[in-house]
Amino acid sequence: MGVGGWSVFIVNGGWSVFIVNGCWSVFIVNGGWSVFIVNGCWSVFIMNGGWSVFIVNGCWSVFIVNGCWSVFIVNGCWSVFIVNGDWSVFIVNGGWSVFIVNGGWSVFIVNGGWSVFIMNGGWSVFIVNGGWSVFIVNGGWSVFIVNGGWSVFIVNGGWSVFIVNGGWSVFIVNGGWSVFIVNGGWSVFIVNGGWSVFIVNGGWSVFIVNGDWSVFIVNGDWSVFIVNGGWSVFIVNGGWSVFIVNGGWSVFIVNGCWSVFIVNGDWSVFIVNGGWSVFIVNGGWSVFIVNGCWSVFIVNGGWSVFIMNGDWSVFIVNGGWSVFIVNGGWSVFIVNGCWSVFIVNGDWSVFIVNGEWSVFIMNGDWSVFIMNGGWSVFIMNGGWSVFIVNGCWSVFIVNGCWSVFIVNGCWSVFIVNGDWSVFIVNGGWSVFIVNGGWSVFIMNGGWSVFIVNGGWSVFIVNGGWSVFIVNGGWSVFIANGGWSVFIVNGGWSVFIMNGGWSVFIVNGGWSVFIVNGGWSVFIVNGGWSVFKVNGCWSVFIVNGDWSVFIVNGGWSVLSVDGGRSVLSVDEGWSDYVDGDWSDYVDGDWSDYVDGDWSVFIVDGDWSDYVDGDWSVFIVNGGWSVLSVDGGWSVFIVDGDWSDYVDGDWSVFIVDGDWSDFVKGIGQCL
């Protein structure tokens, strides 16, 4: 027992109790066990045997313990602990401390100053409430509870639990598994082994993880994650984040400011609720749920599911299949992979797709599509669209503003309810249902079906066959190939047909028909019409206002119920005309004309019946059966024979084989 000044204690055996109230002391104990109560200035303890209990209330201390177990309660200035024994309990309330522990397990409770911990054995529990700390742990497992100052953790063995509530921290972990709970300041994590759980509620963080698997829950300011091994779960609720992941699979739940993701591993799930994001994914499959600001996605591997509710997005996808659900802002999609499903409710979008097949459901503002692969289904409910499709087959349902379609692929189905559209189709077959605005169609391949219910249309068709059903506005048709069926119920139309055969059913407005190939059937129920036909044969059923017929080829069957008509027929034969008046026929034979008045110049085989107001007949060939029921007639017949005339009065100049019966009010023969 020492009461004053300084003391030197050398103890080689048995057990000892030291109560020192003086200035400084040196203790060298080689045997038994010891209890030290030191209230003085400074102390040096060298313990080589048994167990020890140290209660130090003075200035500074140096402890070198090589024996059994130890309990340290230090309230003084600073301390240095070198412990090589069994287990230790450290309670330090003042100054700074240096701990070097090489054996057994340890419990550290540090409430003051700063500390340096070098642990090479057993397991450890650290409770640090003050100053700053440096932890170097090379063995066993550890539990760290740090409530103050800053910390540096270097852990090379076993497993660890870190609970940090203050200051900033640097973690370097090379072994076992770890649990990190950080509530204050900023942190740097370097983990090279085992699995990890990170719960961070404060400041900013940098994570470099090369181990097995990890779980990150971050509620702080900003974070940088570099993960090279195993799988990871990230839950981030604050600030901005940078993620570089090179291994295993990952789950990201981010509610913070902005994020950058570089993922080269297996598969990933991203749930992002805040700020903007940049995603670079090179491996496996991915699920993205983004509710934040704007995003950039570069995906080179596997398949992906994107659910976007934020501002704007850029997608570059080079691998696998993708599902895109976008509810906000504008988007740019560059997809080179397998197949894709796009559901977009946002502002505007640009799509460049080179993959297999795609499904698009668009409710947003405007869109640009460049499609080079597979088949596509487009459902567009908003804004305007530009489609460039070079792949297989496509289905377009467009309810929005205006659209431009350039299609070079296999076949297409278009259902358009919007403003105006431009279609350029170079391959396969197409079905068009257009209910709104005006349209321009340029078709170079396959066959087409057009159902148009609104606005005006321009059709240029260069290949295959076509069916046109037009119920509104005016139309211009230029067809250079195959056969066509036209059902037009509205506005006016211009038809220029250069190939195949055609069927025209026109119920509204006026029409101009120029047909240069094949055969044609015309049924016209409205307005006026101009027919110029150079093809094979034609059937005309006209119930409209007035018509002009110029026919240069084949045979024709004409039925005209109303208005006036002008006919020019060069060859073949003509049948029935029932209209207001008719002019010129030069063909094989003609039959029945029932109208107001008619002028016939017939240079053909034979002609039959005329029932009209008055007529002038010049017949140069074949035989004729002529019946005139009304008006007056002038006949110049230079042919085989002629028959019956019953009308008001007639003038016959007959230069033929024979003539028969003429009955009328007045005749001149």
Foldseek 3Di string as FASTA:
>chain_A
DEEEDEEEAAAQEAEEEAAAEYAEYEYHHQYHEYEYHYEHAEYEAAAREYEYEAAYQHAEYEAAHQYAEYEAAYEHAEYEAAAEYAEYEAAYEYHEYEHHYAYHEYEAHAQYHEYEAAARYAEYEAAAEYAEYEAHHQEHEYEHHHQEHEYEHAHQYAEYEAAANYAEYEAAHEYAEYEAHAQEHEYEHHAQEHEYEHAAQEHEYEAAHNYAEYEAHHNYAEYEAHYAYHEYEHHAQEHEYEHAHQEHEYEAHHNYAEYEAHHNYAEYEHHAQEHEYEHHYQYHEYEHHHQYAEYEAAHNYAEYEAAANYAEYEHHAQEHEYEHHHQEHEYEAHANYAEYEAHHQYAEYEAHHEYAEYEHAANYAEYEYAAQYHEYEAAAQYHEYEAHHNYAEYEHHHNYAEYEAHHEYAEYEHHHAYAEYEYHYQYHEYEHHAQYHEYEAAARYAEYEAHHRYAEYEHHHEEHEYEHHAQEHEYEHHHQEHEYEHHHNYHEYEYAARYHEYEYHHRYHEYEYHHQEYEYEYHAQEYEYEAAHNYAEYEAHHAYAEYEAHYEYHEYEYDYAEHEYEYEAAEHYYEYYHYAEYEEYEYAEYEEYHHAEYEYEYEHAEYEEYEHAEYEAAAQEHEYEYEYDEHEYEYHHNYAEYEEYEYAEYEYDYNYDDYDDYHHVYYHD
